[in-house]
Amino acid sequence: MESKLLWDLLPEEFPYQDKGCELFPSCLNCPFPDCIKEEPWGKERFLKSRRAERMRELKREGKSVKEIARIFEVSPRTVQRWLKAMEAASPSVIASPDSSGRSNPGAGQPKEA
């Protein structure tokens, strides 16, 4: 009797080990419909968007750009670029409303003389 080749085994007979990845410990419990590591730049894009979201949360909590830059060990200009990109993606998220209820993107920043 011949032994079966691994690629010819039924799914329940295949010696599959769910090792996951550095993002999620289990492939079977991963929230993504497709493996993010198989997409071109998928992992990097996911990590950058998660970092930018956290920067936006810190800005909403009242942290300055310099404080956020220190937390993420990047330059203040990098934080400004990411916040601007996040604002362009979803406007009025960072901007605080003024007394009329309209969005005021310059709120909380020093006025130039």
Protein backbone atom coordinates (compact mmCIF):
# COMPACT_ATOMS: atom_id res chain seq x y z
CA MET A 1 0.00 0.00 0.00
CA GLU A 2 1.29 3.43 -0.97
CA SER A 3 1.58 6.25 1.53
CA LYS A 4 -0.45 9.35 0.69
CA LEU A 5 1.34 12.51 -0.33
CA LEU A 6 0.74 15.50 1.97
CA TRP A 7 -0.90 17.57 -0.78
CA ASP A 8 -3.31 14.71 -1.46
CA LEU A 9 -4.64 14.46 2.10
CA LEU A 10 -8.14 15.48 3.08
CA PRO A 11 -8.30 18.74 5.11
CA GLU A 12 -9.04 16.89 8.35
CA GLU A 13 -6.01 14.62 7.80
CA PHE A 14 -3.53 17.40 6.94
CA PRO A 15 -1.11 18.17 9.79
CA TYR A 16 -1.97 21.90 9.91
CA GLN A 17 -0.49 23.97 12.72
CA ASP A 18 -2.18 27.33 13.35
CA LYS A 19 0.85 29.42 14.30
CA GLY A 20 -0.62 32.80 13.40
CA CYS A 21 1.75 35.72 12.95
CA GLU A 22 3.18 38.63 14.90
CA LEU A 23 -0.11 40.54 14.46
CA PHE A 24 -2.51 37.81 15.68
CA PRO A 25 -1.67 34.56 17.46
CA SER A 26 -4.12 32.46 15.45
CA CYS A 27 -4.96 32.52 11.74
CA LEU A 28 -8.34 30.95 12.44
CA ASN A 29 -9.29 33.79 14.82
CA CYS A 30 -7.80 36.64 12.78
CA PRO A 31 -10.29 39.49 12.15
CA PHE A 32 -9.13 40.00 8.55
CA PRO A 33 -11.01 38.13 5.80
CA ASP A 34 -7.73 37.55 3.90
CA CYS A 35 -4.24 37.19 5.29
CA ILE A 36 -2.83 40.68 5.66
CA LYS A 37 0.71 39.38 5.23
CA GLU A 38 -0.11 38.09 1.75
CA GLU A 39 -1.18 41.53 0.48
CA PRO A 40 1.57 43.75 -0.94
CA TRP A 41 2.67 45.99 1.96
CA GLY A 42 -0.37 44.77 3.92
CA LYS A 43 1.31 44.40 7.29
CA GLU A 44 3.14 47.73 6.98
CA ARG A 45 -0.06 49.53 5.90
CA PHE A 46 -1.95 48.05 8.84
CA LEU A 47 0.71 49.03 11.37
CA LYS A 48 1.00 52.59 9.97
CA SER A 49 -2.76 53.13 10.01
CA ARG A 50 -2.94 51.83 13.59
CA ARG A 51 -0.12 54.22 14.57
CA ALA A 52 -1.83 57.15 12.85
CA GLU A 53 -5.13 56.34 14.59
CA ARG A 54 -3.36 56.35 17.96
CA MET A 55 -1.75 59.71 17.12
CA ARG A 56 -5.19 61.10 16.33
CA GLU A 57 -6.56 59.81 19.64
CA LEU A 58 -3.69 61.43 21.56
CA LYS A 59 -4.27 64.73 19.73
CA ARG A 60 -7.97 64.61 20.67
CA GLU A 61 -6.95 64.01 24.30
CA GLY A 62 -5.05 67.30 24.20
CA LYS A 63 -1.46 66.16 23.67
CA SER A 64 0.79 68.52 21.72
CA VAL A 65 2.50 67.51 18.50
CA LYS A 66 5.86 67.51 20.29
CA GLU A 67 4.55 65.18 23.01
CA ILE A 68 3.12 62.79 20.41
CA ALA A 69 6.41 62.86 18.49
CA ARG A 70 8.29 61.98 21.68
CA ILE A 71 5.91 59.07 22.40
CA PHE A 72 6.31 57.55 18.93
CA GLU A 73 10.00 58.50 18.60
CA VAL A 74 9.45 60.39 15.34
CA SER A 75 9.88 64.02 14.35
CA PRO A 76 7.10 66.55 14.99
CA ARG A 77 6.84 67.00 11.22
CA THR A 78 6.01 63.30 10.82
CA VAL A 79 3.21 63.66 13.37
CA GLN A 80 1.88 66.72 11.51
CA ARG A 81 1.90 64.81 8.20
CA TRP A 82 0.06 61.84 9.69
CA LEU A 83 -2.53 64.03 11.42
CA LYS A 84 -3.10 65.95 8.19
CA ALA A 85 -3.50 62.67 6.28
CA MET A 86 -5.98 61.37 8.87
CA GLU A 87 -7.90 64.66 8.77
CA ALA A 88 -8.08 64.49 4.96
CA ALA A 89 -9.34 60.91 5.18
CA SER A 90 -12.07 61.82 7.68
CA PRO A 91 -12.53 65.60 8.02
CA SER A 92 -13.57 67.30 11.25
CA VAL A 93 -12.35 64.43 13.40
CA ILE A 94 -9.41 66.38 14.82
CA ALA A 95 -10.99 69.80 14.44
CA SER A 96 -12.89 71.06 17.44
CA PRO A 97 -16.23 72.87 17.04
CA ASP A 98 -16.34 76.59 17.80
CA SER A 99 -19.18 78.33 19.63
CA SER A 100 -21.38 78.30 16.51
CA GLY A 101 -21.09 74.51 16.27
CA ARG A 102 -19.04 74.66 13.08
CA SER A 103 -15.72 72.95 12.74
CA ASN A 104 -12.69 75.11 13.56
CA PRO A 105 -9.53 73.34 12.38
CA GLY A 106 -7.23 75.98 13.91
CA ALA A 107 -8.64 75.65 17.41
CA GLY A 108 -6.08 75.17 20.13
CA GLN A 109 -3.21 76.50 18.05
CA PRO A 110 -1.46 79.80 18.79
CA LYS A 111 -2.52 82.74 16.64
CA GLU A 112 0.11 84.52 14.62
CA ALA A 113 0.54 88.25 15.18
